[in-house]
N, C-alpha and C. Protein backbone atom coordinates (compact mmCIF):
# COMPACT_ATOMS: atom_id res chain seq x y z
N MET A 1 -10.56 142.74 104.47
CA MET A 1 -11.81 143.35 104.09
C MET A 1 -13.00 142.63 104.73
N GLN A 2 -12.91 141.32 104.81
CA GLN A 2 -14.02 140.56 105.38
C GLN A 2 -14.17 140.84 106.86
N ILE A 3 -13.08 141.13 107.56
CA ILE A 3 -13.11 141.39 108.99
C ILE A 3 -13.98 142.61 109.29
N LEU A 4 -13.87 143.63 108.45
CA LEU A 4 -14.65 144.84 108.66
C LEU A 4 -16.06 144.72 108.10
N GLY A 5 -16.36 143.58 107.47
CA GLY A 5 -17.69 143.40 106.91
C GLY A 5 -17.86 144.06 105.56
N LEU A 6 -16.73 144.45 104.93
CA LEU A 6 -16.81 145.11 103.63
C LEU A 6 -16.89 144.10 102.49
N SER A 7 -16.41 142.90 102.72
CA SER A 7 -16.44 141.85 101.70
C SER A 7 -16.83 140.54 102.38
N ASP A 8 -18.10 140.20 102.33
CA ASP A 8 -18.58 139.00 102.99
C ASP A 8 -18.51 137.81 102.05
N SER A 9 -18.12 136.65 102.62
CA SER A 9 -18.15 135.44 101.82
C SER A 9 -19.58 134.91 101.72
N THR A 10 -20.38 135.16 102.75
CA THR A 10 -21.79 134.80 102.73
C THR A 10 -22.58 136.06 102.37
N PRO A 11 -23.38 135.99 101.31
CA PRO A 11 -24.11 137.21 100.90
C PRO A 11 -25.10 137.66 101.97
N ARG A 12 -25.19 138.97 102.14
CA ARG A 12 -26.12 139.56 103.09
C ARG A 12 -27.53 139.43 102.54
N THR A 13 -28.48 139.31 103.43
CA THR A 13 -29.87 139.17 103.00
C THR A 13 -30.56 140.52 102.83
N GLU A 14 -29.86 141.62 103.12
CA GLU A 14 -30.44 142.94 102.99
C GLU A 14 -29.34 143.96 102.70
N PRO A 15 -29.69 145.14 102.17
CA PRO A 15 -28.68 146.16 101.90
C PRO A 15 -28.03 146.67 103.20
N ARG A 16 -26.80 147.19 103.08
CA ARG A 16 -26.03 147.63 104.25
C ARG A 16 -26.77 148.71 105.03
N TRP A 17 -27.35 149.72 104.37
CA TRP A 17 -28.04 150.79 105.10
C TRP A 17 -29.23 150.26 105.88
N ARG A 18 -29.94 149.34 105.28
CA ARG A 18 -31.08 148.76 105.98
C ARG A 18 -30.61 147.95 107.18
N SER A 19 -29.53 147.20 107.02
CA SER A 19 -29.04 146.40 108.14
C SER A 19 -28.49 147.29 109.25
N LEU A 20 -28.02 148.48 108.91
CA LEU A 20 -27.55 149.40 109.95
C LEU A 20 -28.71 149.97 110.76
N PHE A 21 -29.75 150.41 110.08
CA PHE A 21 -30.82 151.13 110.76
C PHE A 21 -32.05 150.29 111.08
N TRP A 22 -32.25 149.17 110.40
CA TRP A 22 -33.41 148.33 110.66
C TRP A 22 -33.06 146.88 110.37
N PRO A 23 -32.22 146.29 111.23
CA PRO A 23 -31.73 144.93 110.95
C PRO A 23 -32.81 143.86 111.09
N THR A 24 -32.63 142.80 110.33
CA THR A 24 -33.48 141.63 110.45
C THR A 24 -32.58 140.41 110.66
N ILE A 25 -33.14 139.38 111.26
CA ILE A 25 -32.40 138.15 111.52
C ILE A 25 -33.07 137.03 110.74
N ARG A 26 -32.37 136.53 109.71
CA ARG A 26 -32.91 135.44 108.92
C ARG A 26 -32.06 134.18 108.98
N ASN A 27 -30.79 134.35 109.36
CA ASN A 27 -29.88 133.21 109.44
C ASN A 27 -28.77 133.51 110.45
N SER A 28 -27.89 132.56 110.64
CA SER A 28 -26.84 132.73 111.65
C SER A 28 -25.85 133.83 111.28
N THR A 29 -25.68 134.11 110.00
CA THR A 29 -24.79 135.20 109.58
C THR A 29 -25.38 136.54 110.01
N ASP A 30 -26.69 136.74 109.80
CA ASP A 30 -27.35 137.96 110.25
C ASP A 30 -27.26 138.10 111.76
N TYR A 31 -27.44 137.00 112.43
CA TYR A 31 -27.39 136.96 113.89
C TYR A 31 -26.06 137.49 114.41
N ASP A 32 -24.96 137.03 113.84
CA ASP A 32 -23.63 137.47 114.26
C ASP A 32 -23.35 138.89 113.80
N TYR A 33 -23.82 139.23 112.61
CA TYR A 33 -23.57 140.54 112.03
C TYR A 33 -24.19 141.66 112.87
N VAL A 34 -25.38 141.43 113.37
CA VAL A 34 -26.08 142.45 114.15
C VAL A 34 -25.31 142.81 115.42
N THR A 35 -24.82 141.81 116.14
CA THR A 35 -24.09 142.11 117.37
C THR A 35 -22.70 142.68 117.07
N ARG A 36 -22.09 142.25 115.99
CA ARG A 36 -20.79 142.81 115.57
C ARG A 36 -20.96 144.29 115.21
N GLN A 37 -22.01 144.59 114.48
CA GLN A 37 -22.31 145.96 114.10
C GLN A 37 -22.57 146.82 115.34
N GLY A 38 -23.32 146.30 116.29
CA GLY A 38 -23.59 147.03 117.52
C GLY A 38 -22.33 147.30 118.31
N PHE A 39 -21.42 146.33 118.32
CA PHE A 39 -20.13 146.53 118.98
C PHE A 39 -19.40 147.71 118.37
N TRP A 40 -19.32 147.75 117.04
CA TRP A 40 -18.56 148.82 116.39
C TRP A 40 -19.20 150.19 116.58
N ILE A 41 -20.50 150.26 116.63
CA ILE A 41 -21.17 151.55 116.85
C ILE A 41 -20.82 152.08 118.24
N CYS A 42 -20.95 151.25 119.25
CA CYS A 42 -20.59 151.67 120.62
C CYS A 42 -19.10 151.94 120.74
N PHE A 43 -18.29 151.17 120.03
CA PHE A 43 -16.84 151.36 120.08
C PHE A 43 -16.45 152.70 119.46
N ILE A 44 -17.11 153.10 118.39
CA ILE A 44 -16.84 154.41 117.78
C ILE A 44 -17.20 155.52 118.75
N ILE A 45 -18.33 155.39 119.44
CA ILE A 45 -18.71 156.40 120.44
C ILE A 45 -17.67 156.43 121.56
N PHE A 46 -17.20 155.25 121.99
CA PHE A 46 -16.14 155.17 122.99
C PHE A 46 -14.90 155.92 122.53
N ALA A 47 -14.45 155.67 121.30
CA ALA A 47 -13.22 156.28 120.80
C ALA A 47 -13.35 157.80 120.68
N VAL A 48 -14.47 158.26 120.17
CA VAL A 48 -14.69 159.71 120.04
C VAL A 48 -14.75 160.35 121.43
N THR A 49 -15.44 159.73 122.36
CA THR A 49 -15.54 160.26 123.73
C THR A 49 -14.17 160.29 124.40
N LEU A 50 -13.41 159.23 124.23
CA LEU A 50 -12.07 159.16 124.81
C LEU A 50 -11.16 160.25 124.26
N LEU A 51 -11.12 160.37 122.94
CA LEU A 51 -10.25 161.38 122.33
C LEU A 51 -10.69 162.80 122.69
N THR A 52 -11.99 163.04 122.69
CA THR A 52 -12.50 164.36 123.07
C THR A 52 -12.13 164.69 124.51
N SER A 53 -12.27 163.73 125.40
CA SER A 53 -11.95 163.95 126.81
C SER A 53 -10.46 164.24 127.00
N LEU A 54 -9.63 163.49 126.31
CA LEU A 54 -8.18 163.68 126.46
C LEU A 54 -7.72 165.01 125.87
N PHE A 55 -8.24 165.38 124.69
CA PHE A 55 -7.79 166.61 124.04
C PHE A 55 -8.36 167.87 124.66
N THR A 56 -9.54 167.79 125.27
CA THR A 56 -10.12 168.97 125.89
C THR A 56 -9.77 169.09 127.37
N GLY A 57 -9.20 168.04 127.93
CA GLY A 57 -8.85 168.06 129.35
C GLY A 57 -10.03 167.81 130.27
N ALA A 58 -11.16 167.40 129.72
CA ALA A 58 -12.34 167.07 130.51
C ALA A 58 -12.25 165.60 130.91
N TYR A 59 -11.44 165.35 131.91
CA TYR A 59 -11.13 163.97 132.27
C TYR A 59 -12.30 163.21 132.89
N ALA A 60 -13.35 163.91 133.29
CA ALA A 60 -14.56 163.22 133.75
C ALA A 60 -15.20 162.45 132.61
N GLY A 61 -14.92 162.86 131.37
CA GLY A 61 -15.43 162.17 130.21
C GLY A 61 -14.83 160.78 130.03
N LEU A 62 -13.76 160.49 130.74
CA LEU A 62 -13.16 159.16 130.68
C LEU A 62 -14.12 158.11 131.24
N VAL A 63 -14.93 158.50 132.21
CA VAL A 63 -15.95 157.59 132.75
C VAL A 63 -16.97 157.28 131.66
N ASP A 64 -17.35 158.30 130.89
CA ASP A 64 -18.26 158.09 129.77
C ASP A 64 -17.65 157.12 128.76
N ALA A 65 -16.36 157.32 128.49
CA ALA A 65 -15.67 156.46 127.52
C ALA A 65 -15.67 155.00 127.99
N VAL A 66 -15.37 154.78 129.25
CA VAL A 66 -15.38 153.41 129.79
C VAL A 66 -16.79 152.83 129.70
N PHE A 67 -17.79 153.65 129.98
CA PHE A 67 -19.17 153.19 129.88
C PHE A 67 -19.47 152.68 128.47
N TYR A 68 -19.10 153.45 127.44
CA TYR A 68 -19.40 153.04 126.07
C TYR A 68 -18.55 151.86 125.62
N LEU A 69 -17.34 151.72 126.15
CA LEU A 69 -16.54 150.53 125.86
C LEU A 69 -17.22 149.29 126.43
N LEU A 70 -17.66 149.38 127.67
CA LEU A 70 -18.36 148.24 128.28
C LEU A 70 -19.71 147.99 127.60
N ALA A 71 -20.35 149.05 127.11
CA ALA A 71 -21.59 148.88 126.36
C ALA A 71 -21.31 148.12 125.06
N ALA A 72 -20.21 148.44 124.40
CA ALA A 72 -19.84 147.73 123.18
C ALA A 72 -19.65 146.25 123.45
N VAL A 73 -18.97 145.96 124.54
CA VAL A 73 -18.72 144.56 124.93
C VAL A 73 -20.05 143.87 125.25
N GLY A 74 -20.92 144.54 125.96
CA GLY A 74 -22.22 143.96 126.31
C GLY A 74 -23.10 143.72 125.10
N VAL A 75 -23.10 144.67 124.17
CA VAL A 75 -23.90 144.50 122.96
C VAL A 75 -23.38 143.31 122.16
N ARG A 76 -22.07 143.17 122.07
CA ARG A 76 -21.50 142.03 121.33
C ARG A 76 -21.86 140.70 121.99
N GLU A 77 -22.00 140.73 123.31
CA GLU A 77 -22.39 139.52 124.05
C GLU A 77 -23.90 139.38 124.14
N ARG A 78 -24.61 140.12 123.32
CA ARG A 78 -26.06 140.02 123.16
C ARG A 78 -26.86 140.42 124.41
N SER A 79 -26.35 141.42 125.13
CA SER A 79 -27.06 141.92 126.30
C SER A 79 -28.04 143.01 125.87
N ARG A 80 -29.31 142.71 126.04
CA ARG A 80 -30.32 143.72 125.71
C ARG A 80 -30.23 144.90 126.67
N ALA A 81 -29.88 144.63 127.93
CA ALA A 81 -29.73 145.71 128.91
C ALA A 81 -28.61 146.66 128.51
N ALA A 82 -27.52 146.14 128.01
CA ALA A 82 -26.41 146.99 127.57
C ALA A 82 -26.83 147.85 126.39
N ALA A 83 -27.56 147.27 125.44
CA ALA A 83 -28.02 148.03 124.28
C ALA A 83 -28.99 149.14 124.72
N MET A 84 -29.91 148.82 125.63
CA MET A 84 -30.87 149.82 126.09
C MET A 84 -30.18 150.91 126.90
N ALA A 85 -29.21 150.54 127.74
CA ALA A 85 -28.49 151.53 128.54
C ALA A 85 -27.68 152.46 127.65
N ALA A 86 -27.00 151.93 126.65
CA ALA A 86 -26.21 152.77 125.74
C ALA A 86 -27.11 153.77 125.02
N PHE A 87 -28.25 153.30 124.54
CA PHE A 87 -29.19 154.19 123.87
C PHE A 87 -29.73 155.24 124.83
N GLY A 88 -30.16 154.81 126.00
CA GLY A 88 -30.74 155.74 126.97
C GLY A 88 -29.77 156.81 127.43
N ILE A 89 -28.55 156.41 127.72
CA ILE A 89 -27.54 157.38 128.17
C ILE A 89 -27.18 158.33 127.04
N TYR A 90 -27.09 157.83 125.83
CA TYR A 90 -26.77 158.70 124.69
C TYR A 90 -27.88 159.72 124.47
N VAL A 91 -29.13 159.28 124.54
CA VAL A 91 -30.26 160.20 124.37
C VAL A 91 -30.28 161.23 125.50
N LEU A 92 -30.09 160.78 126.74
CA LEU A 92 -30.04 161.73 127.86
C LEU A 92 -28.93 162.76 127.68
N GLY A 93 -27.75 162.28 127.25
CA GLY A 93 -26.63 163.20 127.01
C GLY A 93 -26.95 164.22 125.93
N ALA A 94 -27.60 163.78 124.87
CA ALA A 94 -27.97 164.70 123.79
C ALA A 94 -29.00 165.72 124.27
N LEU A 95 -29.96 165.27 125.09
CA LEU A 95 -30.97 166.20 125.61
C LEU A 95 -30.36 167.22 126.57
N VAL A 96 -29.41 166.77 127.39
CA VAL A 96 -28.73 167.70 128.30
C VAL A 96 -27.92 168.70 127.49
N GLN A 97 -27.25 168.23 126.45
CA GLN A 97 -26.49 169.14 125.59
C GLN A 97 -27.41 170.16 124.93
N LEU A 98 -28.57 169.72 124.50
CA LEU A 98 -29.54 170.63 123.90
C LEU A 98 -30.02 171.67 124.91
N ARG A 99 -30.28 171.23 126.13
CA ARG A 99 -30.78 172.16 127.16
C ARG A 99 -29.71 173.15 127.59
N ILE A 100 -28.48 172.68 127.76
CA ILE A 100 -27.42 173.54 128.28
C ILE A 100 -26.81 174.40 127.17
N ALA A 101 -26.41 173.75 126.07
CA ALA A 101 -25.70 174.47 125.02
C ALA A 101 -26.64 174.99 123.93
N GLY A 102 -27.87 174.47 123.89
CA GLY A 102 -28.81 174.94 122.89
C GLY A 102 -28.51 174.43 121.49
N ARG A 103 -27.73 173.34 121.38
CA ARG A 103 -27.42 172.80 120.06
C ARG A 103 -27.61 171.28 120.05
N PHE A 104 -27.89 170.83 118.85
CA PHE A 104 -28.17 169.41 118.65
C PHE A 104 -27.70 169.09 117.24
N SER A 105 -26.83 168.11 117.09
CA SER A 105 -26.28 167.84 115.76
C SER A 105 -27.00 166.70 115.06
N ILE A 106 -26.94 166.71 113.75
CA ILE A 106 -27.52 165.63 112.96
C ILE A 106 -26.76 164.34 113.21
N LEU A 107 -25.47 164.44 113.52
CA LEU A 107 -24.67 163.26 113.84
C LEU A 107 -25.21 162.57 115.10
N SER A 108 -25.67 163.35 116.06
CA SER A 108 -26.28 162.78 117.26
C SER A 108 -27.54 162.00 116.92
N VAL A 109 -28.33 162.53 116.01
CA VAL A 109 -29.56 161.84 115.60
C VAL A 109 -29.21 160.53 114.90
N ILE A 110 -28.19 160.53 114.06
CA ILE A 110 -27.78 159.31 113.37
C ILE A 110 -27.30 158.27 114.37
N PHE A 111 -26.48 158.68 115.34
CA PHE A 111 -26.02 157.72 116.34
C PHE A 111 -27.17 157.22 117.22
N MET A 112 -28.14 158.07 117.50
CA MET A 112 -29.32 157.61 118.25
C MET A 112 -30.06 156.52 117.47
N ALA A 113 -30.22 156.74 116.18
CA ALA A 113 -30.89 155.74 115.34
C ALA A 113 -30.10 154.44 115.31
N LEU A 114 -28.79 154.54 115.22
CA LEU A 114 -27.95 153.33 115.21
C LEU A 114 -28.00 152.60 116.55
N LEU A 115 -27.99 153.36 117.63
CA LEU A 115 -28.09 152.73 118.96
C LEU A 115 -29.46 152.10 119.17
N PHE A 116 -30.49 152.72 118.64
CA PHE A 116 -31.82 152.11 118.71
C PHE A 116 -31.85 150.81 117.89
N ALA A 117 -31.17 150.82 116.76
CA ALA A 117 -31.09 149.60 115.94
C ALA A 117 -30.37 148.49 116.70
N ASN A 118 -29.41 148.86 117.59
CA ASN A 118 -28.76 147.86 118.45
C ASN A 118 -29.78 147.16 119.33
N ILE A 119 -30.68 147.94 119.91
CA ILE A 119 -31.71 147.36 120.78
C ILE A 119 -32.56 146.39 119.96
N ARG A 120 -33.02 146.85 118.83
CA ARG A 120 -33.87 146.00 117.99
C ARG A 120 -33.12 144.76 117.54
N GLY A 121 -31.87 144.93 117.12
CA GLY A 121 -31.07 143.79 116.66
C GLY A 121 -30.83 142.77 117.76
N ASN A 122 -30.52 143.24 118.97
CA ASN A 122 -30.32 142.31 120.09
C ASN A 122 -31.62 141.62 120.46
N TRP A 123 -32.71 142.34 120.39
CA TRP A 123 -34.00 141.74 120.71
C TRP A 123 -34.34 140.65 119.69
N LEU A 124 -34.15 140.96 118.42
CA LEU A 124 -34.42 139.98 117.37
C LEU A 124 -33.48 138.79 117.46
N SER A 125 -32.22 139.04 117.77
CA SER A 125 -31.28 137.92 117.84
C SER A 125 -31.61 137.00 119.01
N SER A 126 -32.11 137.55 120.10
CA SER A 126 -32.48 136.68 121.22
C SER A 126 -33.72 135.85 120.87
N LYS A 127 -34.65 136.42 120.12
CA LYS A 127 -35.81 135.66 119.67
C LYS A 127 -35.41 134.60 118.65
N TRP A 128 -34.48 134.97 117.77
CA TRP A 128 -34.06 134.05 116.73
C TRP A 128 -33.38 132.82 117.32
N THR A 129 -32.51 133.01 118.30
CA THR A 129 -31.82 131.86 118.88
C THR A 129 -32.78 130.96 119.65
N ALA A 130 -33.84 131.53 120.14
CA ALA A 130 -34.79 130.71 120.87
C ALA A 130 -35.57 129.78 119.95
N THR A 131 -35.65 130.12 118.67
CA THR A 131 -36.43 129.31 117.75
C THR A 131 -35.58 128.48 116.78
N GLN A 132 -34.29 128.69 116.76
CA GLN A 132 -33.42 128.00 115.80
C GLN A 132 -32.55 126.96 116.49
N ASP A 133 -32.25 125.91 115.75
CA ASP A 133 -31.39 124.86 116.27
C ASP A 133 -29.92 125.10 115.92
N ASP A 134 -29.64 125.83 114.83
CA ASP A 134 -28.25 125.97 114.44
C ASP A 134 -27.58 127.09 115.21
N ALA A 135 -26.32 126.89 115.54
CA ALA A 135 -25.58 127.80 116.42
C ALA A 135 -25.05 129.01 115.65
N ALA A 136 -24.67 130.02 116.41
CA ALA A 136 -24.07 131.22 115.83
C ALA A 136 -22.71 130.87 115.22
N PRO A 137 -22.24 131.67 114.26
CA PRO A 137 -20.95 131.40 113.64
C PRO A 137 -19.82 131.42 114.68
N THR A 138 -18.77 130.66 114.39
CA THR A 138 -17.61 130.61 115.26
C THR A 138 -16.94 131.97 115.28
N ARG A 139 -16.55 132.40 116.45
CA ARG A 139 -15.88 133.69 116.57
C ARG A 139 -14.41 133.54 116.20
N MET A 140 -13.92 134.48 115.44
CA MET A 140 -12.56 134.43 114.91
C MET A 140 -11.54 134.84 115.96
N ASN A 141 -10.29 134.43 115.72
CA ASN A 141 -9.20 134.73 116.65
C ASN A 141 -7.89 134.88 115.89
N GLN A 142 -7.93 135.37 114.65
CA GLN A 142 -6.73 135.40 113.83
C GLN A 142 -6.04 136.76 113.83
N THR A 143 -6.78 137.84 113.68
CA THR A 143 -6.18 139.16 113.60
C THR A 143 -6.47 139.95 114.87
N VAL A 144 -5.86 141.11 114.95
CA VAL A 144 -6.09 141.98 116.11
C VAL A 144 -7.56 142.40 116.17
N LEU A 145 -8.16 142.72 115.02
CA LEU A 145 -9.57 143.11 115.02
C LEU A 145 -10.47 141.94 115.41
N ASP A 146 -10.12 140.73 115.00
CA ASP A 146 -10.87 139.55 115.43
C ASP A 146 -10.82 139.42 116.95
N LYS A 147 -9.65 139.60 117.50
CA LYS A 147 -9.50 139.48 118.95
C LYS A 147 -10.29 140.57 119.66
N LEU A 148 -10.28 141.78 119.09
CA LEU A 148 -11.01 142.89 119.72
C LEU A 148 -12.51 142.66 119.69
N VAL A 149 -13.07 142.32 118.55
CA VAL A 149 -14.52 142.23 118.41
C VAL A 149 -15.08 140.86 118.80
N ASP A 150 -14.30 139.80 118.68
CA ASP A 150 -14.82 138.47 118.95
C ASP A 150 -14.36 137.87 120.27
N GLN A 151 -13.10 138.05 120.64
CA GLN A 151 -12.58 137.40 121.84
C GLN A 151 -12.61 138.30 123.07
N PHE A 152 -12.30 139.58 122.91
CA PHE A 152 -12.30 140.53 124.03
C PHE A 152 -13.62 140.55 124.79
N PRO A 153 -14.78 140.63 124.10
CA PRO A 153 -16.05 140.63 124.83
C PRO A 153 -16.31 139.36 125.63
N ILE A 154 -15.89 138.22 125.11
CA ILE A 154 -16.10 136.95 125.82
C ILE A 154 -15.40 136.96 127.17
N VAL A 155 -14.21 137.55 127.22
CA VAL A 155 -13.42 137.58 128.45
C VAL A 155 -13.89 138.70 129.38
N VAL A 156 -14.15 139.87 128.81
CA VAL A 156 -14.40 141.07 129.62
C VAL A 156 -15.82 141.13 130.18
N TRP A 157 -16.84 140.77 129.41
CA TRP A 157 -18.22 140.97 129.83
C TRP A 157 -18.58 140.26 131.13
N PRO A 158 -18.26 138.98 131.30
CA PRO A 158 -18.64 138.35 132.58
C PRO A 158 -18.00 139.00 133.80
N ALA A 159 -16.80 139.54 133.63
CA ALA A 159 -16.09 140.15 134.75
C ALA A 159 -16.53 141.58 135.02
N THR A 160 -17.12 142.25 134.02
CA THR A 160 -17.41 143.68 134.18
C THR A 160 -18.87 144.06 134.02
N LYS A 161 -19.76 143.09 133.82
CA LYS A 161 -21.14 143.49 133.56
C LYS A 161 -21.78 144.21 134.73
N TYR A 162 -21.44 143.85 135.96
CA TYR A 162 -22.03 144.55 137.11
C TYR A 162 -21.42 145.95 137.26
N ILE A 163 -20.16 146.11 136.90
CA ILE A 163 -19.55 147.45 136.87
C ILE A 163 -20.28 148.30 135.84
N PHE A 164 -20.59 147.70 134.70
CA PHE A 164 -21.33 148.42 133.66
C PHE A 164 -22.69 148.89 134.17
N TYR A 165 -23.40 148.03 134.88
CA TYR A 165 -24.72 148.41 135.39
C TYR A 165 -24.61 149.57 136.39
N VAL A 166 -23.60 149.53 137.25
CA VAL A 166 -23.38 150.62 138.19
C VAL A 166 -23.05 151.91 137.44
N LEU A 167 -22.16 151.81 136.43
CA LEU A 167 -21.83 152.99 135.62
C LEU A 167 -23.06 153.54 134.91
N ALA A 168 -23.93 152.67 134.45
CA ALA A 168 -25.15 153.12 133.76
C ALA A 168 -26.02 153.95 134.70
N VAL A 169 -26.17 153.48 135.93
CA VAL A 169 -26.98 154.22 136.91
C VAL A 169 -26.30 155.55 137.25
N LEU A 170 -24.99 155.53 137.45
CA LEU A 170 -24.26 156.77 137.76
C LEU A 170 -24.32 157.76 136.60
N GLU A 171 -24.17 157.26 135.38
CA GLU A 171 -24.26 158.13 134.20
C GLU A 171 -25.64 158.76 134.11
N ALA A 172 -26.67 157.97 134.29
CA ALA A 172 -28.04 158.49 134.23
C ALA A 172 -28.27 159.54 135.31
N ALA A 173 -27.81 159.25 136.53
CA ALA A 173 -27.99 160.20 137.63
C ALA A 173 -27.25 161.50 137.35
N ALA A 174 -26.02 161.40 136.85
CA ALA A 174 -25.23 162.61 136.56
C ALA A 174 -25.88 163.42 135.44
N LEU A 175 -26.37 162.76 134.42
CA LEU A 175 -27.01 163.48 133.32
C LEU A 175 -28.32 164.12 133.76
N LEU A 176 -29.09 163.42 134.55
CA LEU A 176 -30.33 164.01 135.06
C LEU A 176 -30.04 165.21 135.95
N TYR A 177 -29.01 165.09 136.79
CA TYR A 177 -28.62 166.21 137.64
C TYR A 177 -28.20 167.41 136.78
N ALA A 178 -27.37 167.16 135.79
CA ALA A 178 -26.90 168.23 134.91
C ALA A 178 -28.06 168.85 134.13
N GLY A 179 -29.02 168.04 133.75
CA GLY A 179 -30.14 168.55 132.97
C GLY A 179 -31.15 169.34 133.78
N PHE A 180 -31.30 169.01 135.07
CA PHE A 180 -32.32 169.67 135.88
C PHE A 180 -31.79 170.79 136.76
N ARG A 181 -30.47 170.86 136.91
CA ARG A 181 -29.96 171.94 137.78
C ARG A 181 -30.17 173.28 137.09
N ARG A 182 -30.31 174.28 137.90
CA ARG A 182 -30.56 175.61 137.37
C ARG A 182 -29.27 176.27 136.96
N ALA A 183 -29.31 176.93 135.83
CA ALA A 183 -28.13 177.68 135.38
C ALA A 183 -28.00 178.94 136.22
N ASP A 184 -26.84 179.13 136.81
CA ASP A 184 -26.63 180.32 137.66
C ASP A 184 -26.11 181.49 136.88
């Protein structure tokens, strides 16, 4: 339960809904929680995109899925650029969907708010570490989820961050092209 953040040994300084949509950084537990939360938000988008692409046969969506997986890794490693790119690409995708399909879901708005909270949380965590002497909590390595959220980003981000940046530019270009092309 503690791994998923459902039962914390250290009490949270704010309610769960507030920490999801408007996080604050007051101590090292908040600092770690914000990036862990951002990882899971991007990871959920990755999983939904992956499953949708596989079940619908739209295999070009696999590139989107990889983008959001790398965004999750970048957010966990406190990359403000990764948080901003994930938010920007998600918003562009929602706007293109609105223009082409004429629909926009409330779930999209919720995920946009959560991705925006990632940006704010990463920004606050970078400011917090600059002013504090105490280090972030030790990253766990006991369960599969610990390895996924705590150890996987440490290994993957340094090797793939430039691939992520290239994917971000390609995603933005593809979405802009799709949004501005004329419907025939």
